[in-house]
Amino acid sequence: MLSDSTTPAILIVEPNLDLQKPYAFLDTKNFKITKVSDIATANDELQKQDFSLVFLSCSFSNKKILNFLESLKLASKNQIIPLILIVDLNQPYSIVPGLNWDQKIAVLSSQSSAEELMTILHHLL
């Protein structure tokens, strides 16, 4: 069992309470979990404590996600904080903003139509 000083701290940034359910099992593990539903609070939490891992929902606007990524970069002074982007696959498609990819990344679900694929291709190309 991990001691309090080595207990990994995880930040979950998810605005949709229903989509926080998949993370519920983490509460039963030996992690210090902080759940927030908006980017401003997430940025504040990054300044208050050190996190071992961050889950970030892609349901925020691109601008808000990029703002958070900048805060995460600044908070990663001593070590890089791993980031897991969460995409709601119930949506036909999601755009995942990426600094290094000039916002040229997208995720399609298996339920995506040809029209949705063309919309994504138009956005990416």
Protein backbone atom coordinates (compact mmCIF):
# COMPACT_ATOMS: atom_id res chain seq x y z
CA MET A 1 0.00 0.00 0.00
CA LEU A 2 1.28 3.47 -0.88
CA SER A 3 1.84 6.00 1.87
CA ASP A 4 0.21 9.44 1.73
CA SER A 5 3.46 10.99 0.51
CA THR A 6 3.60 8.62 -2.47
CA THR A 7 -0.12 8.40 -3.23
CA PRO A 8 -0.54 9.42 -6.87
CA ALA A 9 -2.74 12.48 -7.32
CA ILE A 10 -5.05 12.45 -10.34
CA LEU A 11 -6.92 15.45 -11.74
CA ILE A 12 -10.08 14.69 -13.71
CA VAL A 13 -11.43 17.60 -15.78
CA GLU A 14 -14.87 16.60 -17.06
CA PRO A 15 -17.92 18.91 -17.35
CA ASN A 16 -20.46 16.13 -17.88
CA LEU A 17 -21.29 14.38 -14.60
CA ASP A 18 -22.55 11.30 -16.46
CA LEU A 19 -19.17 10.92 -18.12
CA GLN A 20 -17.40 10.94 -14.74
CA LYS A 21 -18.85 7.49 -13.98
CA PRO A 22 -16.10 5.59 -15.85
CA TYR A 23 -13.59 7.09 -13.40
CA ALA A 24 -15.54 5.90 -10.34
CA PHE A 25 -13.37 2.80 -9.91
CA LEU A 26 -10.37 5.08 -9.23
CA ASP A 27 -12.06 6.12 -5.97
CA THR A 28 -11.64 2.56 -4.71
CA LYS A 29 -7.92 2.51 -5.49
CA ASN A 30 -5.16 4.21 -3.58
CA PHE A 31 -5.24 7.49 -5.52
CA LYS A 32 -5.93 11.03 -4.43
CA ILE A 33 -8.66 12.06 -6.89
CA THR A 34 -9.64 15.65 -7.65
CA LYS A 35 -12.64 16.05 -9.96
CA VAL A 36 -13.48 19.42 -11.48
CA SER A 37 -16.04 20.42 -14.08
CA ASP A 38 -14.49 23.55 -15.58
CA ILE A 39 -11.14 24.72 -16.91
CA ALA A 40 -10.76 27.70 -14.54
CA THR A 41 -11.03 25.42 -11.51
CA ALA A 42 -8.66 22.92 -13.13
CA ASN A 43 -6.09 25.68 -13.67
CA ASP A 44 -6.44 26.68 -10.00
CA GLU A 45 -5.95 23.07 -8.88
CA LEU A 46 -2.77 22.80 -10.97
CA GLN A 47 -1.36 25.72 -8.97
CA LYS A 48 -2.41 24.27 -5.61
CA GLN A 49 -1.00 20.75 -5.84
CA ASP A 50 1.21 18.42 -7.84
CA PHE A 51 -0.57 15.84 -9.96
CA SER A 52 0.77 12.53 -11.24
CA LEU A 53 -1.78 12.28 -14.06
CA VAL A 54 -4.51 14.39 -15.69
CA PHE A 55 -7.64 13.22 -17.52
CA LEU A 56 -9.03 16.00 -19.74
CA SER A 57 -12.36 15.90 -21.54
CA CYS A 58 -12.37 17.01 -25.16
CA SER A 59 -15.89 18.36 -24.79
CA PHE A 60 -14.52 21.79 -23.86
CA SER A 61 -13.96 24.38 -26.58
CA ASN A 62 -10.61 24.29 -28.35
CA LYS A 63 -9.69 27.63 -26.80
CA LYS A 64 -10.35 26.36 -23.27
CA ILE A 65 -8.42 23.15 -23.89
CA LEU A 66 -5.44 25.06 -25.26
CA ASN A 67 -5.60 27.36 -22.23
CA PHE A 68 -5.53 24.33 -19.95
CA LEU A 69 -2.65 22.74 -21.88
CA GLU A 70 -0.62 25.91 -21.34
CA SER A 71 -1.35 25.77 -17.60
CA LEU A 72 -0.41 22.10 -17.54
CA LYS A 73 2.88 22.88 -19.28
CA LEU A 74 3.66 25.54 -16.67
CA ALA A 75 2.73 23.15 -13.84
CA SER A 76 5.11 20.51 -15.26
CA LYS A 77 8.23 22.28 -13.97
CA ASN A 78 9.74 19.38 -12.03
CA GLN A 79 8.44 16.55 -14.21
CA ILE A 80 6.14 16.08 -17.18
CA ILE A 81 2.58 15.41 -16.06
CA PRO A 82 1.01 12.73 -18.29
CA LEU A 83 -2.25 13.75 -19.96
CA ILE A 84 -5.04 11.49 -21.17
CA LEU A 85 -7.55 13.14 -23.49
CA ILE A 86 -11.06 11.75 -23.11
CA VAL A 87 -13.30 11.72 -26.17
CA ASP A 88 -17.02 11.03 -25.87
CA LEU A 89 -17.53 8.39 -28.54
CA ASN A 90 -21.30 8.81 -28.24
CA GLN A 91 -20.78 11.92 -30.32
CA PRO A 92 -20.46 11.29 -34.08
CA TYR A 93 -17.05 12.95 -34.16
CA SER A 94 -14.80 15.01 -31.94
CA ILE A 95 -12.01 17.40 -32.70
CA VAL A 96 -9.02 17.07 -30.41
CA PRO A 97 -6.95 20.24 -30.38
CA GLY A 98 -3.22 19.74 -30.45
CA LEU A 99 -0.48 22.31 -30.26
CA ASN A 100 2.04 20.22 -32.16
CA TRP A 101 -0.46 19.14 -34.79
CA ASP A 102 -1.91 22.59 -35.55
CA GLN A 103 -5.33 21.23 -34.51
CA LYS A 104 -5.05 18.55 -37.18
CA ILE A 105 -6.21 15.56 -35.19
CA ALA A 106 -9.69 14.06 -35.16
CA VAL A 107 -11.46 11.02 -33.81
CA LEU A 108 -14.29 9.28 -35.58
CA SER A 109 -16.42 6.59 -34.03
CA SER A 110 -17.50 3.43 -35.78
CA GLN A 111 -20.95 5.02 -36.08
CA SER A 112 -19.69 7.95 -38.17
CA SER A 113 -21.37 8.53 -41.51
CA ALA A 114 -19.67 9.33 -44.81
CA GLU A 115 -20.90 12.91 -44.45
CA GLU A 116 -19.23 13.21 -41.05
CA LEU A 117 -16.04 11.77 -42.47
CA MET A 118 -16.09 14.37 -45.24
CA THR A 119 -16.64 17.14 -42.68
CA ILE A 120 -13.59 15.95 -40.77
CA LEU A 121 -11.49 15.64 -43.92
CA HIS A 122 -12.47 19.17 -44.92
CA HIS A 123 -11.43 20.44 -41.48
CA LEU A 124 -8.14 18.52 -41.45
CA LEU A 125 -7.00 19.08 -45.02
